[in-house]
């Protein structure tokens, strides 16, 4: 019984984390319709493999490279290795005035 609370918190966190993600099908549709696909992993991670058509804007460089994303009212789909950095990137872009920011989460969900 002593594990009930920690396990419950982990499950709640995972459910909450997934709520902010766009579905794979919707992400693909958005990209096909012209959304910018952005890999927020490091340059080294990007060079070792990335989704077709993606550009690399590492999370820590996002504010300085925000112009690479285009107009703030155009859709952007973000991804990373696990979904954590892309969730932080989504929050950053929303704070910078981007209105159509979608978090795919892990690139494995593509």
N, C-alpha and C. Protein backbone atom coordinates (compact mmCIF):
# COMPACT_ATOMS: atom_id res chain seq x y z
N UNK A 1 0.81 -1.20 0.00
CA UNK A 1 0.00 0.00 0.00
C UNK A 1 0.85 1.27 0.00
N UNK A 2 2.07 1.14 0.48
CA UNK A 2 2.92 2.32 0.53
C UNK A 2 3.31 2.84 -0.85
N UNK A 3 3.15 2.03 -1.92
CA UNK A 3 3.49 2.44 -3.28
C UNK A 3 2.31 3.08 -4.02
N UNK A 4 1.14 3.06 -3.41
CA UNK A 4 -0.05 3.56 -4.10
C UNK A 4 0.07 5.03 -4.49
N UNK A 5 0.53 5.86 -3.60
CA UNK A 5 0.64 7.28 -3.91
C UNK A 5 1.69 7.56 -4.98
N UNK A 6 2.93 7.07 -4.84
CA UNK A 6 3.91 7.35 -5.90
C UNK A 6 3.50 6.83 -7.27
N UNK A 7 2.95 5.63 -7.34
CA UNK A 7 2.52 5.08 -8.62
C UNK A 7 1.39 5.93 -9.19
N UNK A 8 0.47 6.35 -8.35
CA UNK A 8 -0.62 7.20 -8.78
C UNK A 8 -0.13 8.53 -9.32
N UNK A 9 0.88 9.09 -8.68
CA UNK A 9 1.45 10.35 -9.15
C UNK A 9 2.14 10.19 -10.50
N UNK A 10 2.83 9.08 -10.67
CA UNK A 10 3.50 8.81 -11.95
C UNK A 10 2.47 8.67 -13.06
N UNK A 11 1.43 7.92 -12.81
CA UNK A 11 0.37 7.73 -13.81
C UNK A 11 -0.29 9.07 -14.14
N UNK A 12 -0.59 9.85 -13.11
CA UNK A 12 -1.21 11.17 -13.34
C UNK A 12 -0.30 12.06 -14.16
N UNK A 13 1.00 12.04 -13.89
CA UNK A 13 1.95 12.84 -14.64
C UNK A 13 1.97 12.40 -16.10
N UNK A 14 2.02 11.10 -16.34
CA UNK A 14 2.08 10.60 -17.71
C UNK A 14 0.82 10.95 -18.48
N UNK A 15 -0.33 10.85 -17.85
CA UNK A 15 -1.59 11.21 -18.50
C UNK A 15 -1.60 12.70 -18.80
N UNK A 16 -1.19 13.51 -17.83
CA UNK A 16 -1.15 14.96 -18.03
C UNK A 16 -0.20 15.32 -19.17
N UNK A 17 0.96 14.66 -19.19
CA UNK A 17 1.95 14.94 -20.23
C UNK A 17 1.39 14.63 -21.62
N UNK A 18 0.66 13.55 -21.77
CA UNK A 18 0.10 13.16 -23.05
C UNK A 18 -1.03 14.08 -23.49
N UNK A 19 -1.73 14.71 -22.55
CA UNK A 19 -2.85 15.57 -22.90
C UNK A 19 -2.43 16.74 -23.79
N UNK A 20 -1.20 17.20 -23.63
CA UNK A 20 -0.74 18.34 -24.39
C UNK A 20 -0.17 17.98 -25.75
N UNK A 21 -0.29 16.72 -26.16
CA UNK A 21 0.31 16.29 -27.41
C UNK A 21 -0.74 16.13 -28.51
N UNK A 22 -0.31 16.43 -29.72
CA UNK A 22 -1.15 16.25 -30.89
C UNK A 22 -1.02 14.79 -31.32
N UNK A 23 -2.05 14.23 -31.91
CA UNK A 23 -1.96 12.85 -32.37
C UNK A 23 -1.02 12.75 -33.56
N UNK A 24 -0.51 11.57 -33.78
CA UNK A 24 0.38 11.33 -34.91
C UNK A 24 -0.31 11.68 -36.23
N UNK A 25 -1.53 11.25 -36.38
CA UNK A 25 -2.28 11.51 -37.62
C UNK A 25 -2.48 13.01 -37.83
N UNK A 26 -2.81 13.73 -36.76
CA UNK A 26 -3.00 15.18 -36.89
C UNK A 26 -1.68 15.88 -37.18
N UNK A 27 -0.60 15.41 -36.58
CA UNK A 27 0.71 16.02 -36.84
C UNK A 27 1.10 15.84 -38.31
N UNK A 28 0.89 14.65 -38.84
CA UNK A 28 1.20 14.39 -40.25
C UNK A 28 0.35 15.27 -41.16
N UNK A 29 -0.92 15.39 -40.83
CA UNK A 29 -1.82 16.22 -41.64
C UNK A 29 -1.37 17.67 -41.61
N UNK A 30 -1.05 18.17 -40.43
CA UNK A 30 -0.59 19.55 -40.31
C UNK A 30 0.66 19.80 -41.14
N UNK A 31 1.60 18.87 -41.10
CA UNK A 31 2.84 19.03 -41.87
C UNK A 31 2.54 18.97 -43.37
N UNK A 32 1.66 18.05 -43.78
CA UNK A 32 1.29 17.97 -45.20
C UNK A 32 0.62 19.25 -45.67
N UNK A 33 -0.06 19.93 -44.75
CA UNK A 33 -0.74 21.18 -45.09
C UNK A 33 0.16 22.40 -44.95
N UNK A 34 1.44 22.18 -44.62
CA UNK A 34 2.39 23.29 -44.59
C UNK A 34 2.96 23.68 -43.24
N UNK A 35 2.59 22.97 -42.18
CA UNK A 35 3.16 23.30 -40.87
C UNK A 35 4.66 23.05 -40.88
N UNK A 36 5.39 23.85 -40.14
CA UNK A 36 6.83 23.67 -39.98
C UNK A 36 7.05 22.55 -38.98
N UNK A 37 7.83 21.54 -39.36
CA UNK A 37 8.17 20.42 -38.48
C UNK A 37 9.52 20.73 -37.85
N UNK A 38 9.55 20.83 -36.51
CA UNK A 38 10.74 21.30 -35.81
C UNK A 38 11.22 20.27 -34.79
N UNK A 39 12.47 19.85 -34.96
CA UNK A 39 13.16 18.95 -34.04
C UNK A 39 13.91 19.83 -33.04
N UNK A 40 13.56 19.74 -31.76
CA UNK A 40 14.18 20.60 -30.76
C UNK A 40 15.30 19.89 -30.00
N UNK A 41 15.75 18.75 -30.52
CA UNK A 41 16.89 18.05 -29.92
C UNK A 41 18.18 18.78 -30.29
N UNK A 42 19.28 18.32 -29.74
CA UNK A 42 20.58 18.93 -30.04
C UNK A 42 20.96 18.68 -31.50
N UNK A 43 21.92 19.46 -31.99
CA UNK A 43 22.39 19.30 -33.37
C UNK A 43 22.97 17.90 -33.58
N UNK A 44 23.66 17.38 -32.58
CA UNK A 44 24.22 16.04 -32.68
C UNK A 44 23.15 14.97 -32.79
N UNK A 45 22.09 15.10 -32.00
CA UNK A 45 20.97 14.15 -32.08
C UNK A 45 20.30 14.25 -33.44
N UNK A 46 20.11 15.46 -33.91
CA UNK A 46 19.47 15.69 -35.21
C UNK A 46 20.29 15.04 -36.32
N UNK A 47 21.60 15.22 -36.28
CA UNK A 47 22.46 14.69 -37.35
C UNK A 47 22.51 13.16 -37.34
N UNK A 48 22.18 12.55 -36.22
CA UNK A 48 22.17 11.09 -36.17
C UNK A 48 20.86 10.50 -36.66
N UNK A 49 19.90 11.35 -36.99
CA UNK A 49 18.62 10.90 -37.53
C UNK A 49 17.50 11.81 -37.11
N UNK A 50 16.61 12.11 -38.06
CA UNK A 50 15.48 12.99 -37.79
C UNK A 50 14.33 12.66 -38.75
N UNK A 51 13.19 13.24 -38.50
CA UNK A 51 12.03 13.01 -39.35
C UNK A 51 12.21 13.75 -40.68
N UNK A 52 11.72 13.17 -41.76
CA UNK A 52 11.84 13.81 -43.08
C UNK A 52 11.20 15.20 -43.10
N UNK A 53 11.94 16.16 -43.60
CA UNK A 53 11.43 17.52 -43.74
C UNK A 53 11.59 18.39 -42.51
N UNK A 54 12.12 17.82 -41.43
CA UNK A 54 12.26 18.60 -40.19
C UNK A 54 13.44 19.56 -40.26
N UNK A 55 13.29 20.66 -39.55
CA UNK A 55 14.42 21.56 -39.33
C UNK A 55 14.84 21.40 -37.88
N UNK A 56 16.08 21.72 -37.59
CA UNK A 56 16.61 21.59 -36.23
C UNK A 56 16.76 22.96 -35.59
N UNK A 57 16.04 23.15 -34.49
CA UNK A 57 16.20 24.34 -33.66
C UNK A 57 16.27 23.82 -32.22
N UNK A 58 17.49 23.57 -31.71
CA UNK A 58 17.62 23.03 -30.36
C UNK A 58 16.90 23.90 -29.32
N UNK A 59 16.31 23.25 -28.35
CA UNK A 59 15.51 23.95 -27.33
C UNK A 59 16.26 25.14 -26.74
N UNK A 60 17.51 24.94 -26.36
CA UNK A 60 18.25 26.03 -25.72
C UNK A 60 18.53 27.19 -26.66
N UNK A 61 18.41 26.98 -27.97
CA UNK A 61 18.64 28.04 -28.95
C UNK A 61 17.33 28.62 -29.51
N UNK A 62 16.23 28.11 -29.06
CA UNK A 62 14.92 28.48 -29.62
C UNK A 62 14.66 29.99 -29.61
N UNK A 63 14.81 30.68 -28.49
CA UNK A 63 14.51 32.12 -28.52
C UNK A 63 15.38 32.89 -29.52
N UNK A 64 16.64 32.50 -29.66
CA UNK A 64 17.55 33.20 -30.57
C UNK A 64 17.29 32.85 -32.03
N UNK A 65 16.71 31.68 -32.29
CA UNK A 65 16.49 31.23 -33.67
C UNK A 65 15.02 31.20 -34.06
N UNK A 66 14.19 31.89 -33.32
CA UNK A 66 12.75 31.83 -33.53
C UNK A 66 12.34 32.28 -34.94
N UNK A 67 13.13 33.11 -35.58
CA UNK A 67 12.79 33.58 -36.93
C UNK A 67 12.78 32.43 -37.94
N UNK A 68 13.48 31.34 -37.66
CA UNK A 68 13.48 30.18 -38.55
C UNK A 68 12.10 29.55 -38.66
N UNK A 69 11.24 29.84 -37.70
CA UNK A 69 9.92 29.22 -37.66
C UNK A 69 8.88 29.97 -38.49
N UNK A 70 9.21 31.15 -38.93
CA UNK A 70 8.27 31.90 -39.76
C UNK A 70 7.29 32.72 -38.93
N UNK A 71 6.17 32.99 -39.55
CA UNK A 71 5.15 33.84 -38.93
C UNK A 71 4.53 33.17 -37.71
N UNK A 72 4.20 33.99 -36.73
CA UNK A 72 3.68 33.48 -35.46
C UNK A 72 2.28 32.88 -35.55
N UNK A 73 1.56 33.16 -36.63
CA UNK A 73 0.22 32.61 -36.77
C UNK A 73 0.19 31.35 -37.65
N UNK A 74 1.34 30.88 -38.06
CA UNK A 74 1.42 29.66 -38.89
C UNK A 74 1.67 28.45 -38.00
N UNK A 75 1.15 27.28 -38.36
CA UNK A 75 1.31 26.10 -37.51
C UNK A 75 2.74 25.57 -37.45
N UNK A 76 3.10 25.12 -36.26
CA UNK A 76 4.40 24.53 -35.98
C UNK A 76 4.15 23.22 -35.25
N UNK A 77 4.85 22.15 -35.67
CA UNK A 77 4.78 20.86 -34.99
C UNK A 77 6.16 20.57 -34.42
N UNK A 78 6.23 20.37 -33.12
CA UNK A 78 7.49 20.15 -32.41
C UNK A 78 7.64 18.69 -32.02
N UNK A 79 8.89 18.23 -31.98
CA UNK A 79 9.17 16.90 -31.43
C UNK A 79 10.59 16.87 -30.87
N UNK A 80 10.85 15.82 -30.08
CA UNK A 80 12.18 15.59 -29.51
C UNK A 80 12.33 14.08 -29.29
N UNK A 81 13.15 13.69 -28.36
CA UNK A 81 13.37 12.26 -28.11
C UNK A 81 12.27 11.65 -27.24
N UNK A 82 11.84 12.37 -26.22
CA UNK A 82 10.88 11.81 -25.28
C UNK A 82 9.58 12.59 -25.14
N UNK A 83 9.59 13.83 -25.57
CA UNK A 83 8.42 14.69 -25.42
C UNK A 83 8.61 15.79 -24.39
N UNK A 84 9.64 15.68 -23.57
CA UNK A 84 9.88 16.68 -22.53
C UNK A 84 10.35 18.00 -23.12
N UNK A 85 11.37 17.96 -23.96
CA UNK A 85 11.88 19.20 -24.55
C UNK A 85 10.86 19.84 -25.48
N UNK A 86 10.13 19.03 -26.22
CA UNK A 86 9.13 19.61 -27.12
C UNK A 86 8.00 20.27 -26.33
N UNK A 87 7.67 19.74 -25.16
CA UNK A 87 6.66 20.37 -24.31
C UNK A 87 7.17 21.72 -23.80
N UNK A 88 8.45 21.77 -23.43
CA UNK A 88 9.04 23.04 -22.99
C UNK A 88 9.11 24.03 -24.15
N UNK A 89 9.43 23.53 -25.34
CA UNK A 89 9.48 24.39 -26.52
C UNK A 89 8.11 24.96 -26.83
N UNK A 90 7.08 24.14 -26.69
CA UNK A 90 5.72 24.62 -26.94
C UNK A 90 5.39 25.77 -25.99
N UNK A 91 5.72 25.61 -24.74
CA UNK A 91 5.47 26.65 -23.75
C UNK A 91 6.24 27.93 -24.11
N UNK A 92 7.48 27.77 -24.52
CA UNK A 92 8.31 28.91 -24.90
C UNK A 92 7.70 29.65 -26.08
N UNK A 93 7.31 28.90 -27.12
CA UNK A 93 6.74 29.54 -28.31
C UNK A 93 5.41 30.21 -28.01
N UNK A 94 4.59 29.59 -27.19
CA UNK A 94 3.32 30.22 -26.80
C UNK A 94 3.61 31.55 -26.10
N UNK A 95 4.62 31.54 -25.23
CA UNK A 95 5.01 32.77 -24.53
C UNK A 95 5.55 33.85 -25.46
N UNK A 96 6.07 33.42 -26.60
CA UNK A 96 6.59 34.37 -27.58
C UNK A 96 5.52 34.82 -28.58
N UNK A 97 4.29 34.35 -28.39
CA UNK A 97 3.19 34.81 -29.22
C UNK A 97 2.78 33.90 -30.36
N UNK A 98 3.37 32.71 -30.46
CA UNK A 98 2.96 31.77 -31.50
C UNK A 98 1.59 31.20 -31.12
N UNK A 99 0.70 31.12 -32.10
CA UNK A 99 -0.68 30.75 -31.80
C UNK A 99 -1.05 29.33 -32.18
N UNK A 100 -0.29 28.70 -33.08
CA UNK A 100 -0.62 27.34 -33.53
C UNK A 100 0.57 26.42 -33.32
N UNK A 101 0.83 26.10 -32.05
CA UNK A 101 1.96 25.27 -31.68
C UNK A 101 1.45 23.91 -31.25
N UNK A 102 1.99 22.86 -31.87
CA UNK A 102 1.54 21.49 -31.61
C UNK A 102 2.73 20.64 -31.19
N UNK A 103 2.55 19.89 -30.12
CA UNK A 103 3.61 19.04 -29.59
C UNK A 103 3.34 17.59 -29.97
N UNK A 104 4.13 17.05 -30.89
CA UNK A 104 4.04 15.63 -31.22
C UNK A 104 4.57 14.79 -30.08
N UNK A 105 5.56 15.32 -29.37
CA UNK A 105 6.20 14.57 -28.29
C UNK A 105 7.40 13.82 -28.85
N UNK A 106 7.49 12.56 -28.56
CA UNK A 106 8.59 11.73 -29.03
C UNK A 106 8.54 11.54 -30.54
N UNK A 107 9.69 11.60 -31.19
CA UNK A 107 9.72 11.38 -32.64
C UNK A 107 9.26 9.98 -33.01
N UNK A 108 9.31 9.07 -32.07
CA UNK A 108 8.83 7.71 -32.30
C UNK A 108 7.31 7.64 -32.52
N UNK A 109 6.59 8.70 -32.17
CA UNK A 109 5.15 8.73 -32.37
C UNK A 109 4.78 9.07 -33.81
N UNK A 110 5.76 9.50 -34.61
CA UNK A 110 5.50 9.91 -35.99
C UNK A 110 4.88 8.77 -36.76
